[in-house]
Amino acid sequence: MVVNLRGLNMSGNSVAHDQYRLDFKELDGRLVPDSPSWLSENRQIAFSEFENLGFRTTKRANERWKYTNIAPLARTGFRYRFEPNEDVVTIRSIRELLPWHEDWTRLVFVDGMYSDLLSNPDNNSSDVYVGQLREAMVDRSDVIENSLGSLVSYSKDGFLAANMAFLSDGAFVHVSNGVSPRKVIHLIFVSTGDEDPMVSYPRTLVLAGSGSDMTLVESYVGLLNNSYFTNAVTEVLVEDGSKVEHYRYMKESQDAFHVGTSRVQLGRDSTFSSSSFSQGSSIARNDLGVTFNSPGSSCSLSGLYQASDSEHVDSSIDIDHASPNCSSDQYFKGILDGNSRGVFSGKVLVRPEAQKTIARQADKNLLLSEGARINTKPSLEIFADDVVCSHGATAGALADELMFYMMSRGIDEKTARSLIVYGFASEIIDKFNLAPIRDRIECLLLDGSDFQ
């Protein structure tokens, strides 16, 4: 493939800028002496793939990005931060941005780099490991080598390729067989930004041993209102009979770009539930994929996404029913104002061997302005004949008669709008079982400052 580093290649893909190449060369030189040979090789292969793939800006024959224009992201030469920018981040500053509880086990990464000062790993038990991926690559090299990258393929995705190429650290959570951690595990990724656009590559690997039970929270927040790019990848391997309760909270800067890719693999009779909240970003994408690898497992996925002004939020949810007697439930809601755009693409694949599958999928949207738009496309591909599957999508405007009714009883317009928005979202909010997350979202909705 012929690549022009100052434009687009022949296929219409955006290409890696010179800045990415310069940063990779410097980072690789710094990491090689301390990295396992297998990781160094994977990084080199991944960057070669990234140079060929870039970030695809063409919409033709690019169904996964059909409604999201990533050209503004692709043409920006984001710089990699080699030194930590911890001086501008304090416990107080991040507590104001995200759900918080002092008793939660906490790992904090600032611009992709681990902060020992802000973290509270609490690794007093040999049965639960919550720590740096960089250290685990040395102490638990065999486990990491066999698991890292096992659920994602960077040969066809420029974002995944870039994340692997620039992998230097991340979060590693390993819960042993039959263990239930006493505390919630909170992974916090903070972007500080700079005068020049910066990029970070958060990476998370979660291993839930057989019969384990854990609660995990991922938070992505921006400290300053400037342009930066967060390219995050999370892999969760849920072994037989285990249960993972997962939450994802994203509130980035309004001028930021966020692409989050999560992949989950479920073992026999396992359970995975995930609730997500997204707000902010010029372009934000939550790409979640779940594979049923063995019979008897289930997953419940819910999400609430908000956008205002010219923000763009994209939710791509894929469920692969590759085994029989499994169930999945998707329920997402969007709240859009100003000239914002929302995208929901949910695909459920039921393979021929996946008999006795139960799959439900729904996406509902509230449009608060004439300029707001939603492109929603739930879909089913069913190749088995003994299944119960359904899908649907709705979009509606704010009801004038409801606003009139509330205002005629002395409620001001701002409060009335906030109450209607909250009423619409409450069904999803109730799925957040952790009070700090639920309270944070309720405050954002009832304040209503983003929807005026």
Protein backbone atom coordinates (compact mmCIF):
# COMPACT_ATOMS: atom_id res chain seq x y z
CA MET A 1 0.00 0.00 0.00
CA VAL A 2 1.36 3.42 -0.94
CA VAL A 3 1.05 5.92 1.89
CA ASN A 4 1.31 9.66 1.61
CA LEU A 5 2.09 11.04 5.05
CA ARG A 6 0.64 14.43 4.18
CA GLY A 7 -2.72 13.39 2.85
CA LEU A 8 -4.89 10.38 2.20
CA ASN A 9 -3.90 7.08 0.68
CA MET A 10 -5.57 5.63 -2.38
CA SER A 11 -8.24 3.79 -0.40
CA GLY A 12 -9.43 6.94 1.33
CA ASN A 13 -7.94 6.05 4.71
CA SER A 14 -6.43 8.82 6.78
CA VAL A 15 -2.78 8.17 7.48
CA ALA A 16 -0.35 8.37 10.37
CA HIS A 17 1.10 11.86 10.66
CA ASP A 18 4.82 12.45 10.94
CA GLN A 19 4.23 13.30 14.60
CA TYR A 20 3.10 9.75 15.38
CA ARG A 21 6.19 8.33 13.70
CA LEU A 22 8.57 10.63 15.55
CA ASP A 23 6.93 9.92 18.90
CA PHE A 24 6.90 6.17 18.34
CA LYS A 25 10.58 6.13 17.47
CA GLU A 26 11.46 8.00 20.65
CA LEU A 27 9.13 5.96 22.87
CA ASP A 28 10.35 2.65 21.45
CA GLY A 29 13.93 3.67 22.14
CA ARG A 30 13.04 4.39 25.75
CA LEU A 31 11.05 1.20 26.30
CA VAL A 32 13.08 -1.50 24.56
CA PRO A 33 15.69 -1.98 27.37
CA ASP A 34 12.96 -2.76 29.95
CA SER A 35 10.33 -4.45 27.81
CA PRO A 36 9.84 -8.19 27.24
CA SER A 37 10.90 -9.21 23.74
CA TRP A 38 7.35 -10.30 22.82
CA LEU A 39 5.98 -6.86 23.71
CA SER A 40 8.63 -4.99 21.71
CA GLU A 41 7.88 -7.17 18.69
CA ASN A 42 4.13 -6.60 19.03
CA ARG A 43 4.62 -2.85 19.25
CA GLN A 44 6.68 -2.81 16.07
CA ILE A 45 4.12 -4.90 14.19
CA ALA A 46 1.28 -2.74 15.49
CA PHE A 47 2.92 0.49 14.36
CA SER A 48 3.47 -0.94 10.90
CA GLU A 49 -0.23 -1.77 10.80
CA PHE A 50 -1.05 1.74 11.98
CA GLU A 51 1.01 3.28 9.21
CA ASN A 52 -0.92 1.23 6.65
CA LEU A 53 -4.35 1.71 8.20
CA GLY A 54 -4.30 5.19 9.70
CA PHE A 55 -7.72 6.37 10.82
CA ARG A 56 -10.27 5.69 8.10
CA THR A 57 -12.12 8.84 7.15
CA THR A 58 -13.97 7.46 4.16
CA LYS A 59 -17.59 6.49 4.74
CA ARG A 60 -17.87 4.33 1.66
CA ALA A 61 -17.68 0.63 2.56
CA ASN A 62 -16.97 1.69 6.15
CA GLU A 63 -20.21 0.76 7.86
CA ARG A 64 -18.85 0.92 11.42
CA TRP A 65 -18.03 4.64 11.00
CA LYS A 66 -20.82 5.53 8.58
CA TYR A 67 -22.34 8.29 10.72
CA THR A 68 -19.21 9.56 12.46
CA ASN A 69 -16.78 11.83 10.63
CA ILE A 70 -13.35 11.39 12.22
CA ALA A 71 -11.52 13.63 9.74
CA PRO A 72 -10.95 16.37 12.39
CA LEU A 73 -9.25 13.77 14.60
CA ALA A 74 -7.32 12.13 11.76
CA ARG A 75 -5.78 15.32 10.43
CA THR A 76 -4.50 16.52 13.82
CA GLY A 77 -0.90 15.71 14.75
CA PHE A 78 -1.38 14.82 18.40
CA ARG A 79 1.82 14.69 20.43
CA TYR A 80 2.70 11.98 22.94
CA ARG A 81 3.58 13.18 26.44
CA PHE A 82 6.81 11.54 27.61
CA GLU A 83 6.94 13.11 31.06
CA PRO A 84 4.10 13.14 33.60
CA ASN A 85 2.11 16.32 34.10
CA GLU A 86 1.16 15.55 37.69
CA ASP A 87 1.76 19.07 39.01
CA VAL A 88 -1.65 20.28 37.81
CA VAL A 89 -3.57 17.28 39.20
CA THR A 90 -4.59 16.86 42.82
CA ILE A 91 -6.97 14.56 44.66
CA ARG A 92 -9.27 17.53 45.16
CA SER A 93 -9.29 18.43 41.45
CA ILE A 94 -10.24 14.94 40.27
CA ARG A 95 -12.80 14.44 43.05
CA GLU A 96 -14.72 17.36 41.58
CA LEU A 97 -14.86 15.65 38.17
CA LEU A 98 -15.93 12.08 38.79
CA PRO A 99 -17.69 9.63 41.12
CA TRP A 100 -15.70 9.19 44.31
CA HIS A 101 -15.55 7.07 47.42
CA GLU A 102 -12.62 7.06 49.83
CA ASP A 103 -12.91 3.32 50.47
CA TRP A 104 -12.59 2.31 46.81
CA THR A 105 -9.32 0.82 45.61
CA ARG A 106 -7.95 3.47 43.26
CA LEU A 107 -5.49 3.57 40.37
CA VAL A 108 -4.93 6.97 38.77
CA PHE A 109 -3.27 7.57 35.41
CA VAL A 110 -2.44 11.11 34.32
CA ASP A 111 -2.09 11.46 30.55
CA GLY A 112 -1.70 7.68 30.39
CA MET A 113 1.04 7.55 33.04
CA TYR A 114 0.59 5.98 36.46
CA SER A 115 0.52 8.34 39.43
CA ASP A 116 1.77 6.76 42.64
CA LEU A 117 0.92 9.94 44.55
CA LEU A 118 -2.77 9.90 43.58
CA SER A 119 -3.35 6.13 43.65
CA ASN A 120 -4.40 3.79 46.42
CA PRO A 121 -3.81 0.27 45.05
CA ASP A 122 -4.39 -1.56 48.36
CA ASN A 123 -2.63 -4.78 47.31
CA ASN A 124 -2.57 -6.45 50.70
CA SER A 125 -4.06 -9.71 49.44
CA SER A 126 -2.29 -12.24 47.23
CA ASP A 127 -5.69 -13.21 45.77
CA VAL A 128 -6.41 -9.77 44.30
CA TYR A 129 -3.92 -7.84 42.19
CA VAL A 130 -4.72 -4.24 41.26
CA GLY A 131 -1.70 -2.48 39.87
CA GLN A 132 0.41 -1.31 36.96
CA LEU A 133 0.47 -3.31 33.76
CA ARG A 134 4.15 -2.40 33.37
CA GLU A 135 5.07 -4.13 36.63
CA ALA A 136 2.84 -7.11 35.92
CA MET A 137 4.63 -7.66 32.59
CA VAL A 138 7.73 -8.43 34.65
CA ASP A 139 6.24 -10.15 37.70
CA ARG A 140 3.52 -12.08 35.83
CA SER A 141 4.94 -12.19 32.34
CA ASP A 142 3.36 -15.51 31.32
CA VAL A 143 -0.14 -14.42 32.36
CA ILE A 144 0.14 -11.07 30.59
CA GLU A 145 1.64 -12.51 27.40
CA ASN A 146 -1.20 -15.03 27.07
CA SER A 147 -3.97 -12.55 27.83
CA LEU A 148 -2.97 -9.10 26.59
CA GLY A 149 -4.35 -8.53 23.13
CA SER A 150 -6.21 -11.84 23.06
CA LEU A 151 -9.59 -10.11 22.60
CA VAL A 152 -8.60 -7.32 20.18
CA SER A 153 -7.14 -7.45 16.70
CA TYR A 154 -5.17 -4.45 15.51
CA SER A 155 -4.69 -5.76 11.97
CA LYS A 156 -7.88 -4.05 10.74
CA ASP A 157 -8.34 -1.14 13.15
CA GLY A 158 -6.07 1.90 13.25
CA PHE A 159 -7.16 2.91 16.75
CA LEU A 160 -6.34 -0.52 18.18
CA ALA A 161 -3.04 -0.59 16.28
CA ALA A 162 -2.03 2.82 17.65
CA ASN A 163 -2.92 1.82 21.21
CA MET A 164 -0.77 -1.31 20.98
CA ALA A 165 2.10 0.53 19.30
CA PHE A 166 2.27 3.12 22.10
CA LEU A 167 1.61 0.69 24.96
CA SER A 168 3.94 1.53 27.82
CA ASP A 169 1.78 1.03 30.91
CA GLY A 170 -1.80 0.59 32.01
CA ALA A 171 -4.03 -1.00 34.61
CA PHE A 172 -4.00 -4.71 35.43
CA VAL A 173 -6.68 -6.32 37.59
CA HIS A 174 -6.49 -10.03 38.44
CA VAL A 175 -8.95 -11.65 40.84
CA SER A 176 -8.14 -15.26 41.73
CA ASN A 177 -10.57 -18.16 41.54
CA GLY A 178 -13.45 -17.99 44.00
CA VAL A 179 -12.45 -14.60 45.41
CA SER A 180 -14.72 -11.58 45.91
CA PRO A 181 -12.74 -8.36 46.49
CA ARG A 182 -14.00 -6.45 49.49
CA LYS A 183 -13.66 -3.08 47.78
CA VAL A 184 -14.81 -1.54 44.51
CA ILE A 185 -11.92 -1.14 42.06
CA HIS A 186 -11.78 2.33 40.47
CA LEU A 187 -9.54 3.01 37.47
CA ILE A 188 -9.19 6.74 36.78
CA PHE A 189 -7.73 8.19 33.57
CA VAL A 190 -7.18 11.95 33.64
CA SER A 191 -6.19 14.06 30.64
CA THR A 192 -4.58 17.41 31.38
CA GLY A 193 -4.15 18.69 27.83
CA ASP A 194 -1.65 21.32 26.74
CA GLU A 195 -1.28 24.25 24.37
CA ASP A 196 -0.56 21.66 21.68
CA PRO A 197 -2.96 18.74 21.13
CA MET A 198 -1.83 15.73 23.18
CA VAL A 199 -2.71 12.04 22.99
CA SER A 200 -2.80 9.27 25.60
CA TYR A 201 -3.33 5.53 25.21
CA PRO A 202 -4.98 4.07 28.34
CA ARG A 203 -4.83 0.27 28.46
CA THR A 204 -6.68 -2.02 30.88
CA LEU A 205 -6.55 -5.78 31.28
CA VAL A 206 -9.00 -7.50 33.65
CA LEU A 207 -8.90 -11.21 34.52
CA ALA A 208 -11.80 -12.52 36.61
CA GLY A 209 -10.95 -16.02 37.83
CA SER A 210 -13.48 -18.85 38.00
CA GLY A 211 -16.19 -18.26 40.57
CA SER A 212 -14.97 -14.74 41.40
CA ASP A 213 -17.17 -11.70 41.97
CA MET A 214 -15.90 -8.16 41.39
CA THR A 215 -17.06 -4.57 40.84
CA LEU A 216 -15.04 -2.36 38.49
CA VAL A 217 -15.37 1.34 37.61
CA GLU A 218 -13.59 3.06 34.73
CA SER A 219 -13.56 6.88 34.70
CA TYR A 220 -12.26 9.09 31.90
CA VAL A 221 -12.18 12.83 32.58
CA GLY A 222 -10.55 15.99 31.27
CA LEU A 223 -9.05 18.46 33.70
CA LEU A 224 -8.94 21.45 31.34
CA ASN A 225 -11.19 22.52 28.49
CA ASN A 226 -8.78 22.03 25.61
CA SER A 227 -8.14 19.70 22.69
CA TYR A 228 -6.64 16.26 23.32
CA PHE A 229 -7.19 12.66 22.23
CA THR A 230 -7.86 9.66 24.47
CA ASN A 231 -7.47 6.32 22.68
CA ALA A 232 -8.42 3.69 25.27
CA VAL A 233 -8.58 -0.11 25.10
CA THR A 234 -10.02 -2.42 27.77
CA GLU A 235 -10.05 -6.24 27.75
CA VAL A 236 -12.11 -8.24 30.27
CA LEU A 237 -11.82 -12.03 30.46
CA VAL A 238 -14.60 -13.48 32.61
CA GLU A 239 -13.97 -17.11 33.46
CA ASP A 240 -16.48 -19.85 34.31
CA GLY A 241 -19.01 -19.06 36.99
CA SER A 242 -17.68 -15.58 37.71
CA LYS A 243 -19.52 -12.27 37.94
CA VAL A 244 -18.29 -8.83 36.88
CA GLU A 245 -20.24 -5.66 37.61
CA HIS A 246 -18.77 -2.91 35.42
CA TYR A 247 -19.35 0.83 35.17
CA ARG A 248 -17.91 3.32 32.69
CA TYR A 249 -18.02 7.07 33.36
CA MET A 250 -16.80 9.48 30.68
CA LYS A 251 -16.86 13.26 30.97
CA GLU A 252 -14.18 14.70 28.73
CA SER A 253 -13.43 18.24 27.64
CA GLN A 254 -15.86 19.67 25.09
CA ASP A 255 -13.02 19.98 22.54
CA ALA A 256 -11.57 16.54 23.20
CA PHE A 257 -11.65 13.35 21.15
CA HIS A 258 -12.34 10.04 22.86
CA VAL A 259 -12.31 6.57 21.29
CA GLY A 260 -12.86 3.80 23.82
CA THR A 261 -12.75 0.15 22.74
CA SER A 262 -13.84 -2.54 25.20
CA ARG A 263 -13.91 -6.28 24.56
CA VAL A 264 -15.39 -8.88 26.90
CA GLN A 265 -15.24 -12.68 26.73
CA LEU A 266 -17.62 -14.73 28.87
CA GLY A 267 -16.97 -18.24 30.16
CA ARG A 268 -19.54 -20.87 31.11
CA ASP A 269 -22.33 -19.74 33.48
CA SER A 270 -20.69 -16.33 33.95
CA THR A 271 -22.37 -12.93 34.27
CA PHE A 272 -21.30 -9.52 33.01
CA SER A 273 -23.23 -6.30 33.55
CA SER A 274 -22.11 -2.90 32.35
CA SER A 275 -23.65 0.57 32.72
CA SER A 276 -22.06 3.55 30.99
CA PHE A 277 -22.46 7.32 31.06
CA SER A 278 -21.00 9.60 28.38
CA GLN A 279 -20.93 13.39 28.28
CA GLY A 280 -18.67 15.87 26.51
CA SER A 281 -16.14 15.56 23.66
CA SER A 282 -16.11 16.94 20.16
CA ILE A 283 -16.20 13.30 19.07
CA ALA A 284 -16.74 10.45 21.52
CA ARG A 285 -17.12 6.77 20.72
CA ASN A 286 -17.90 3.88 23.06
CA ASP A 287 -17.16 0.65 21.17
CA LEU A 288 -18.19 -2.35 23.26
CA GLY A 289 -18.11 -5.97 22.13
CA VAL A 290 -19.15 -9.04 24.14
CA THR A 291 -18.56 -12.66 23.07
CA PHE A 292 -20.37 -15.63 24.63
CA ASN A 293 -17.62 -18.21 24.54
CA SER A 294 -19.44 -20.93 26.52
CA PRO A 295 -23.04 -21.91 27.35
CA GLY A 296 -25.13 -20.57 30.19
CA SER A 297 -23.72 -17.05 30.45
CA SER A 298 -25.53 -13.69 30.39
CA CYS A 299 -24.82 -10.01 29.99
CA SER A 300 -26.78 -6.83 30.64
CA LEU A 301 -25.61 -3.64 28.93
CA SER A 302 -27.10 -0.22 29.54
CA GLY A 303 -25.98 3.28 28.75
CA LEU A 304 -26.92 6.94 28.94
CA TYR A 305 -25.29 9.42 26.57
CA GLN A 306 -25.65 13.19 26.46
CA ALA A 307 -24.54 15.75 23.90
CA SER A 308 -25.04 19.49 23.45
CA ASP A 309 -23.74 22.31 21.23
CA SER A 310 -21.86 20.59 18.36
CA GLU A 311 -20.75 17.51 20.30
CA HIS A 312 -20.90 14.07 18.70
CA VAL A 313 -21.37 10.83 20.67
CA ASP A 314 -21.25 7.39 19.05
CA SER A 315 -22.20 4.10 20.74
CA SER A 316 -21.27 0.90 18.92
CA ILE A 317 -22.41 -2.25 20.72
CA ASP A 318 -21.77 -5.74 19.32
CA ILE A 319 -22.92 -9.00 20.89
CA ASP A 320 -21.66 -12.32 19.55
CA HIS A 321 -23.82 -15.26 20.65
CA ALA A 322 -21.37 -18.05 19.82
CA SER A 323 -22.74 -20.56 22.36
CA PRO A 324 -26.20 -21.90 23.27
CA ASN A 325 -28.37 -21.04 26.28
CA CYS A 326 -27.07 -17.49 26.72
CA SER A 327 -28.92 -14.21 27.13
CA SER A 328 -28.10 -10.58 26.41
CA ASP A 329 -30.00 -7.38 27.14
CA GLN A 330 -29.11 -3.95 25.70
CA TYR A 331 -30.88 -0.78 26.76
CA PHE A 332 -29.50 2.64 25.82
CA LYS A 333 -30.87 6.18 25.98
CA GLY A 334 -29.61 9.40 24.45
CA ILE A 335 -30.30 13.05 25.30
CA LEU A 336 -29.34 15.49 22.55
CA ASP A 337 -29.47 19.28 22.47
CA GLY A 338 -28.15 22.16 20.35
CA ASN A 339 -26.63 20.98 17.09
CA SER A 340 -25.30 17.78 18.59
CA ARG A 341 -25.27 14.39 16.92
CA GLY A 342 -25.85 10.94 18.36
CA VAL A 343 -25.14 7.55 16.82
CA PHE A 344 -26.22 4.15 18.06
CA SER A 345 -25.30 1.01 16.15
CA GLY A 346 -26.05 -2.21 17.94
CA LYS A 347 -25.53 -5.59 16.36
CA VAL A 348 -26.52 -8.96 17.77
CA LEU A 349 -25.10 -11.99 15.98
CA VAL A 350 -26.68 -15.36 16.79
CA ARG A 351 -24.58 -18.16 15.32
CA PRO A 352 -26.05 -21.50 14.14
CA GLU A 353 -24.86 -23.32 17.26
CA ALA A 354 -26.34 -20.70 19.62
CA GLN A 355 -29.75 -22.31 20.14
CA LYS A 356 -31.93 -21.19 23.08
CA THR A 357 -30.57 -17.64 22.78
CA ILE A 358 -32.45 -14.74 24.35
CA ALA A 359 -31.43 -11.30 23.06
CA ARG A 360 -33.10 -7.94 23.52
CA GLN A 361 -31.97 -4.60 22.18
CA ALA A 362 -33.44 -1.11 22.54
CA ASP A 363 -32.30 2.46 21.95
CA LYS A 364 -34.43 5.49 22.87
CA ASN A 365 -33.58 9.15 22.32
CA LEU A 366 -34.86 12.53 23.47
CA LEU A 367 -34.20 15.48 21.15
CA LEU A 368 -34.28 18.81 22.97
CA SER A 369 -33.75 21.10 19.96
CA GLU A 370 -34.49 21.31 16.27
CA GLY A 371 -30.79 21.08 15.43
CA ALA A 372 -30.16 17.80 17.29
CA ARG A 373 -29.93 14.60 15.26
CA ILE A 374 -29.75 10.88 16.01
CA ASN A 375 -28.75 8.03 13.70
CA THR A 376 -29.80 4.77 15.30
CA LYS A 377 -29.40 1.33 13.78
CA PRO A 378 -30.06 -1.70 15.99
CA SER A 379 -29.70 -4.94 14.05
CA LEU A 380 -30.05 -8.70 14.40
CA GLU A 381 -28.31 -11.44 12.43
CA ILE A 382 -29.87 -14.77 13.39
CA PHE A 383 -28.67 -18.13 12.08
CA ALA A 384 -30.38 -20.31 14.70
CA ASP A 385 -34.05 -21.26 14.77
CA ASP A 386 -34.79 -21.70 18.49
CA VAL A 387 -34.30 -18.17 19.80
CA VAL A 388 -36.17 -15.23 21.34
CA CYS A 389 -34.82 -11.96 19.95
CA SER A 390 -36.14 -8.41 19.65
CA HIS A 391 -34.82 -4.97 18.79
CA GLY A 392 -36.14 -1.45 18.39
CA ALA A 393 -35.33 2.25 18.41
CA THR A 394 -37.26 5.47 19.04
CA ALA A 395 -36.59 9.20 18.90
CA GLY A 396 -38.88 11.99 20.04
CA ALA A 397 -38.91 15.70 20.81
CA LEU A 398 -39.66 17.44 24.06
CA ALA A 399 -43.44 17.55 24.45
CA ASP A 400 -44.73 21.15 24.40
CA GLU A 401 -47.87 20.23 26.33
CA LEU A 402 -45.80 18.70 29.13
CA MET A 403 -43.68 21.84 29.41
CA PHE A 404 -46.83 23.97 29.42
CA TYR A 405 -48.39 21.82 32.13
CA MET A 406 -45.37 22.11 34.43
CA MET A 407 -44.84 25.83 33.85
CA SER A 408 -48.54 26.56 34.40
CA ARG A 409 -48.05 25.19 37.91
CA GLY A 410 -45.25 27.59 38.78
CA ILE A 411 -42.22 25.61 37.66
CA ASP A 412 -39.73 27.72 35.73
CA GLU A 413 -38.63 26.62 32.25
CA LYS A 414 -35.12 25.51 33.22
CA THR A 415 -36.35 23.37 36.10
CA ALA A 416 -39.14 21.89 33.99
CA ARG A 417 -36.69 20.86 31.27
CA SER A 418 -34.33 19.32 33.81
CA LEU A 419 -37.12 17.34 35.44
CA ILE A 420 -38.34 16.00 32.09
CA VAL A 421 -34.78 15.02 31.11
CA TYR A 422 -34.29 13.34 34.47
CA GLY A 423 -37.57 11.47 34.15
CA PHE A 424 -36.54 10.20 30.73
CA ALA A 425 -33.11 9.08 31.97
CA SER A 426 -34.12 7.66 35.36
CA GLU A 427 -34.72 4.18 33.96
CA ILE A 428 -31.02 3.96 33.04
CA ILE A 429 -29.78 5.81 36.13
CA ASP A 430 -31.44 3.20 38.33
CA LYS A 431 -29.14 0.59 36.80
CA PHE A 432 -26.14 2.29 38.41
CA ASN A 433 -26.07 0.37 41.69
CA LEU A 434 -23.17 2.39 43.12
CA ALA A 435 -24.51 5.49 44.86
CA PRO A 436 -21.51 7.78 44.06
CA ILE A 437 -22.00 7.25 40.32
CA ARG A 438 -25.77 7.51 40.46
CA ASP A 439 -25.63 10.70 42.55
CA ARG A 440 -23.08 12.29 40.21
CA ILE A 441 -25.25 11.64 37.14
CA GLU A 442 -28.39 12.88 38.89
CA CYS A 443 -26.66 16.15 39.75
CA LEU A 444 -25.57 16.65 36.15
CA LEU A 445 -29.08 16.04 34.87
CA LEU A 446 -31.00 18.06 37.42
CA ASP A 447 -28.62 21.00 37.09
CA GLY A 448 -29.43 21.10 33.38
CA SER A 449 -26.62 23.53 32.57
CA ASP A 450 -25.59 21.58 29.48
CA PHE A 451 -29.08 21.73 27.98
CA GLN A 452 -30.04 25.36 27.75
